[in-house]
Protein backbone atom coordinates (compact mmCIF):
# COMPACT_ATOMS: atom_id res chain seq x y z
CA UNK A 1 23.35 40.32 2.79
CA UNK A 2 24.60 41.27 6.33
CA UNK A 3 24.27 45.04 5.51
CA UNK A 4 20.75 44.47 4.07
CA UNK A 5 19.64 42.79 7.32
CA UNK A 6 21.05 45.65 9.27
CA UNK A 7 19.16 48.06 7.30
CA UNK A 8 15.95 46.20 7.59
CA UNK A 9 16.37 46.10 11.34
CA UNK A 10 16.96 49.88 11.43
CA UNK A 11 13.86 50.41 9.33
CA UNK A 12 11.82 48.31 11.76
CA UNK A 13 13.16 50.27 14.75
CA UNK A 14 12.34 53.63 13.04
CA UNK A 15 8.82 52.38 12.19
CA UNK A 16 8.18 51.35 15.81
CA UNK A 17 9.57 54.66 17.15
CA UNK A 18 7.58 56.81 14.83
CA UNK A 19 4.39 54.83 14.67
CA UNK A 20 4.22 53.18 18.03
CA UNK A 21 2.09 54.02 21.05
CA UNK A 22 2.53 57.43 22.58
CA UNK A 23 3.21 56.14 26.22
CA UNK A 24 3.29 59.71 27.61
CA UNK A 25 -0.17 60.27 26.28
CA UNK A 26 -1.34 56.98 27.66
CA UNK A 27 0.15 57.72 31.11
CA UNK A 28 -1.49 61.21 31.13
CA UNK A 29 -4.82 59.57 30.40
CA UNK A 30 -4.38 57.26 33.41
CA UNK A 31 -3.34 60.09 35.63
CA UNK A 32 -6.29 62.17 34.65
CA UNK A 33 -8.52 59.14 35.43
CA UNK A 34 -6.86 58.61 38.78
CA UNK A 35 -7.23 62.28 39.72
CA UNK A 36 -10.93 62.16 38.82
CA UNK A 37 -11.46 59.00 40.94
CA UNK A 38 -9.59 60.58 43.90
CA UNK A 39 -11.77 63.85 43.59
CA UNK A 40 -14.90 61.67 43.54
CA UNK A 41 -13.77 59.67 46.69
CA UNK A 42 -12.98 63.06 48.49
CA UNK A 43 -16.48 64.18 47.70
CA UNK A 44 -17.98 60.90 49.03
CA UNK A 45 -16.02 61.32 52.39
CA UNK A 46 -17.51 64.80 52.67
CA UNK A 47 -21.01 63.32 52.48
CA UNK A 48 -20.20 61.51 55.81
CA UNK A 49 -19.65 64.83 57.52
CA UNK A 50 -23.39 65.75 57.12
CA UNK A 51 -25.85 65.22 59.94
CA UNK A 52 -27.93 62.86 57.79
CA UNK A 53 -26.37 60.73 55.11
CA UNK A 54 -27.92 60.91 51.67
CA UNK A 55 -27.66 57.47 50.36
CA UNK A 56 -28.58 58.49 46.81
CA UNK A 57 -25.67 60.93 46.62
CA UNK A 58 -23.24 58.35 48.09
CA UNK A 59 -24.48 55.73 45.61
CA UNK A 60 -24.28 58.09 42.68
CA UNK A 61 -20.72 59.14 43.52
CA UNK A 62 -19.62 55.66 44.01
CA UNK A 63 -21.25 54.57 40.75
CA UNK A 64 -19.36 57.39 38.92
CA UNK A 65 -16.14 56.45 40.48
CA UNK A 66 -16.66 52.75 39.49
CA UNK A 67 -17.59 53.61 35.94
CA UNK A 68 -14.65 55.86 35.60
CA UNK A 69 -12.24 53.03 36.71
CA UNK A 70 -14.09 50.43 34.56
CA UNK A 71 -14.06 52.62 31.41
CA UNK A 72 -10.29 53.02 31.69
CA UNK A 73 -9.40 49.36 32.05
């Protein structure tokens, strides 16, 4: 019985390892999302260098940034 329980435990560990979440893929997805958000924030900061601030561009860029974050939660 003891050997059977050990075998079942090993089978469960193998199943989790082979069919579990791919954490590297998940982390890559979050990294891509953070890079996209950072690029958008950099673009927004450039809008403030203009002589006249285009509120629609700033709003649109902020909306894109917010949507990217929200969609990845």
